[in-house]
C-alpha atoms as a PDB file:
ATOM      1  CA  MET A   1      22.160  -6.843  14.462  1.00  0.00           C
ATOM      2  CA  GLU A   2      21.468 -10.809  13.445  1.00  0.00           C
ATOM      3  CA  PHE A   3      19.146 -12.243  15.871  1.00  0.00           C
ATOM      4  CA  GLU A   4      19.055 -16.023  13.992  1.00  0.00           C
ATOM      5  CA  ASN A   5      22.685 -16.382  15.395  1.00  0.00           C
ATOM      6  CA  LEU A   6      22.015 -15.381  18.939  1.00  0.00           C
ATOM      7  CA  LYS A   7      22.832 -17.707  21.797  1.00  0.00           C
ATOM      8  CA  LEU A   8      20.208 -16.857  24.496  1.00  0.00           C
ATOM      9  CA  LYS A   9      19.902 -17.990  28.293  1.00  0.00           C
ATOM     10  CA  CYS A  10      16.619 -17.375  30.106  1.00  0.00           C
ATOM     11  CA  GLU A  11      16.713 -15.232  33.481  1.00  0.00           C
ATOM     12  CA  CYS A  12      16.151 -19.006  35.171  1.00  0.00           C
ATOM     13  CA  GLY A  13      19.246 -19.965  33.703  1.00  0.00           C
ATOM     14  CA  GLY A  14      17.796 -22.208  31.145  1.00  0.00           C
ATOM     15  CA  ASP A  15      18.610 -22.449  27.494  1.00  0.00           C
ATOM     16  CA  MET A  16      16.416 -21.131  24.735  1.00  0.00           C
ATOM     17  CA  LYS A  17      15.741 -22.906  22.036  1.00  0.00           C
ATOM     18  CA  LYS A  18      14.633 -20.949  18.654  1.00  0.00           C
ATOM     19  CA  ILE A  19      10.997 -21.572  17.636  1.00  0.00           C
ATOM     20  CA  THR A  20       8.303 -20.381  14.914  1.00  0.00           C
ATOM     21  CA  ALA A  21       4.910 -19.243  16.400  1.00  0.00           C
ATOM     22  CA  GLU A  22       1.778 -17.725  15.723  1.00  0.00           C
ATOM     23  CA  TRP A  23       0.486 -14.556  17.305  1.00  0.00           C
ATOM     24  CA  LYS A  24      -2.763 -13.361  16.124  1.00  0.00           C
ATOM     25  CA  SER A  25      -2.301 -15.953  12.995  1.00  0.00           C
ATOM     26  CA  ILE A  26       0.784 -14.248  12.008  1.00  0.00           C
ATOM     27  CA  GLU A  27       3.657 -16.089  12.167  1.00  0.00           C
ATOM     28  CA  VAL A  28       6.693 -14.847  14.218  1.00  0.00           C
ATOM     29  CA  ARG A  29      10.170 -15.855  15.245  1.00  0.00           C
ATOM     30  CA  GLY A  30      11.415 -16.339  18.711  1.00  0.00           C
ATOM     31  CA  TRP A  31      12.939 -18.471  21.593  1.00  0.00           C
ATOM     32  CA  ILE A  32      11.176 -20.506  24.270  1.00  0.00           C
ATOM     33  CA  CYS A  33      13.075 -21.539  27.239  1.00  0.00           C
ATOM     34  CA  LEU A  34      13.436 -25.275  27.750  1.00  0.00           C
ATOM     35  CA  LYS A  35      13.428 -25.048  31.539  1.00  0.00           C
ATOM     36  CA  CYS A  36      10.684 -22.666  32.381  1.00  0.00           C
ATOM     37  CA  GLY A  37       9.200 -22.422  29.176  1.00  0.00           C
ATOM     38  CA  GLU A  38       9.218 -18.503  28.909  1.00  0.00           C
ATOM     39  CA  GLU A  39       9.094 -16.881  25.340  1.00  0.00           C
ATOM     40  CA  ILE A  40      10.887 -14.259  23.728  1.00  0.00           C
ATOM     41  CA  LEU A  41       9.947 -13.003  20.316  1.00  0.00           C
ATOM     42  CA  ASN A  42      11.931 -11.841  17.376  1.00  0.00           C
ATOM     43  CA  PRO A  43      11.930  -7.873  17.928  1.00  0.00           C
ATOM     44  CA  ALA A  44      11.438  -6.943  14.202  1.00  0.00           C
ATOM     45  CA  ASP A  45       9.335  -9.893  13.656  1.00  0.00           C
ATOM     46  CA  ALA A  46       6.677  -8.422  16.883  1.00  0.00           C
ATOM     47  CA  GLN A  47       7.247  -4.888  15.079  1.00  0.00           C
ATOM     48  CA  MET A  48       5.737  -6.412  12.005  1.00  0.00           C
ATOM     49  CA  ALA A  49       3.576  -8.440  13.626  1.00  0.00           C
ATOM     50  CA  LEU A  50       2.405  -5.119  15.718  1.00  0.00           C
ATOM     51  CA  GLU A  51       2.277  -3.016  12.326  1.00  0.00           C
ATOM     52  CA  ILE A  52      -0.443  -5.661  10.586  1.00  0.00           C
ATOM     53  CA  GLU A  53      -2.477  -6.132  13.875  1.00  0.00           C
ATOM     54  CA  LYS A  54      -2.712  -2.195  14.233  1.00  0.00           C
ATOM     55  CA  ALA A  55      -3.807  -2.385   9.960  1.00  0.00           C
ATOM     56  CA  ARG A  56      -6.161  -4.916  10.358  1.00  0.00           C
ATOM     57  CA  LYS A  57      -7.624  -3.112  13.444  1.00  0.00           C
ATOM     58  CA  ARG A  58      -8.232   0.128  11.545  1.00  0.00           C
ATOM     59  CA  ASN A  59      -9.400  -2.161   8.839  1.00  0.00           C
ATOM     60  CA  LEU A  60      -6.928   0.138   6.563  1.00  0.00           C
ATOM     61  CA  LEU A  61      -3.800   0.409   4.912  1.00  0.00           C
ATOM     62  CA  THR A  62      -2.775   3.201   2.692  1.00  0.00           C
ATOM     63  CA  VAL A  63      -0.670   2.615  -0.306  1.00  0.00           C
ATOM     64  CA  LYS A  64      -0.404   4.514  -3.449  1.00  0.00           C
ATOM     65  CA  LEU A  65      -1.800   4.031  -7.229  1.00  0.00           C
ATOM     66  CA  ARG A  66       1.164   5.082  -9.285  1.00  0.00           C
ATOM     67  CA  ARG A  67       1.688   4.991 -12.890  1.00  0.00           C
ATOM     68  CA  VAL A  68       4.273   2.900 -14.440  1.00  0.00           C
ATOM     69  CA  GLY A  69       4.273   3.017 -18.296  1.00  0.00           C
ATOM     70  CA  LYS A  70       0.731   2.560 -19.362  1.00  0.00           C
ATOM     71  CA  SER A  71      -0.079   0.673 -16.297  1.00  0.00           C
ATOM     72  CA  ASN A  72      -1.435   1.442 -13.135  1.00  0.00           C
ATOM     73  CA  VAL A  73       0.232  -0.067 -10.154  1.00  0.00           C
ATOM     74  CA  VAL A  74      -0.812  -0.416  -6.393  1.00  0.00           C
ATOM     75  CA  THR A  75       1.963  -1.335  -4.083  1.00  0.00           C
ATOM     76  CA  VAL A  76       2.270  -4.026  -1.356  1.00  0.00           C
ATOM     77  CA  PRO A  77       3.716  -3.108   2.064  1.00  0.00           C
ATOM     78  CA  GLN A  78       6.887  -5.207   3.030  1.00  0.00           C
ATOM     79  CA  PRO A  79       5.303  -6.315   6.170  1.00  0.00           C
ATOM     80  CA  ILE A  80       2.221  -7.615   4.066  1.00  0.00           C
ATOM     81  CA  MET A  81       4.096  -9.329   1.931  1.00  0.00           C
ATOM     82  CA  GLU A  82       6.213 -11.606   4.873  1.00  0.00           C
ATOM     83  CA  ALA A  83       2.858 -11.807   6.633  1.00  0.00           C
ATOM     84  CA  GLU A  84       1.384 -13.527   3.609  1.00  0.00           C
ATOM     85  CA  LYS A  85       4.372 -14.967   1.968  1.00  0.00           C
ATOM     86  CA  PHE A  86       3.861 -13.114  -1.089  1.00  0.00           C
ATOM     87  CA  LYS A  87       7.153 -13.420  -3.232  1.00  0.00           C
ATOM     88  CA  GLU A  88       8.240 -10.893  -6.161  1.00  0.00           C
ATOM     89  CA  GLY A  89       7.060 -12.348  -9.363  1.00  0.00           C
ATOM     90  CA  GLN A  90       4.289 -14.400  -7.876  1.00  0.00           C
ATOM     91  CA  GLU A  91       1.205 -13.976  -9.362  1.00  0.00           C
ATOM     92  CA  LEU A  92      -1.615 -12.649  -7.442  1.00  0.00           C
ATOM     93  CA  GLU A  93      -5.941 -12.108  -8.514  1.00  0.00           C
ATOM     94  CA  TRP A  94      -7.936  -9.336  -8.023  1.00  0.00           C
ATOM     95  CA  ARG A  95     -11.228  -9.597  -7.371  1.00  0.00           C
ATOM     96  CA  ILE A  96     -14.184  -7.463  -6.675  1.00  0.00           C
ATOM     97  CA  GLU A  97     -16.714  -8.410  -3.369  1.00  0.00           C
ATOM     98  CA  GLY A  98     -19.082  -5.954  -2.886  1.00  0.00           C
ATOM     99  CA  ARG A  99     -17.294  -2.717  -3.247  1.00  0.00           C
ATOM    100  CA  LYS A 100     -13.782  -3.910  -1.822  1.00  0.00           C
ATOM    101  CA  LEU A 101     -10.978  -5.692  -3.840  1.00  0.00           C
ATOM    102  CA  VAL A 102      -9.407  -8.509  -2.543  1.00  0.00           C
ATOM    103  CA  LEU A 103      -6.253  -9.578  -3.649  1.00  0.00           C
ATOM    104  CA  THR A 104      -5.039 -13.686  -3.203  1.00  0.00           C
ATOM    105  CA  PRO A 105      -2.654 -15.786  -4.079  1.00  0.00           C
END
């Protein structure tokens, strides 16, 4: 279902306007009622935000190390790509901080 084209009415009868909100530092799309201020999140964005928040709480996100030709590759899950606004082909930088690998644009 394409949520972008939905015209929503609030339970109070007010018109809903599209918004971009931030939930736990994760950008999500949604709607706000112009009459009562009730907010509704886009279900797909809400699910992605929950997955990212769950990974953050566990401080763990499992990915596979793969070999492609003579190189090793680490995949970046789609929710992280979207949350961090990474784009395919974008150059990112790995650095080591203590015993952690940090990926930054």
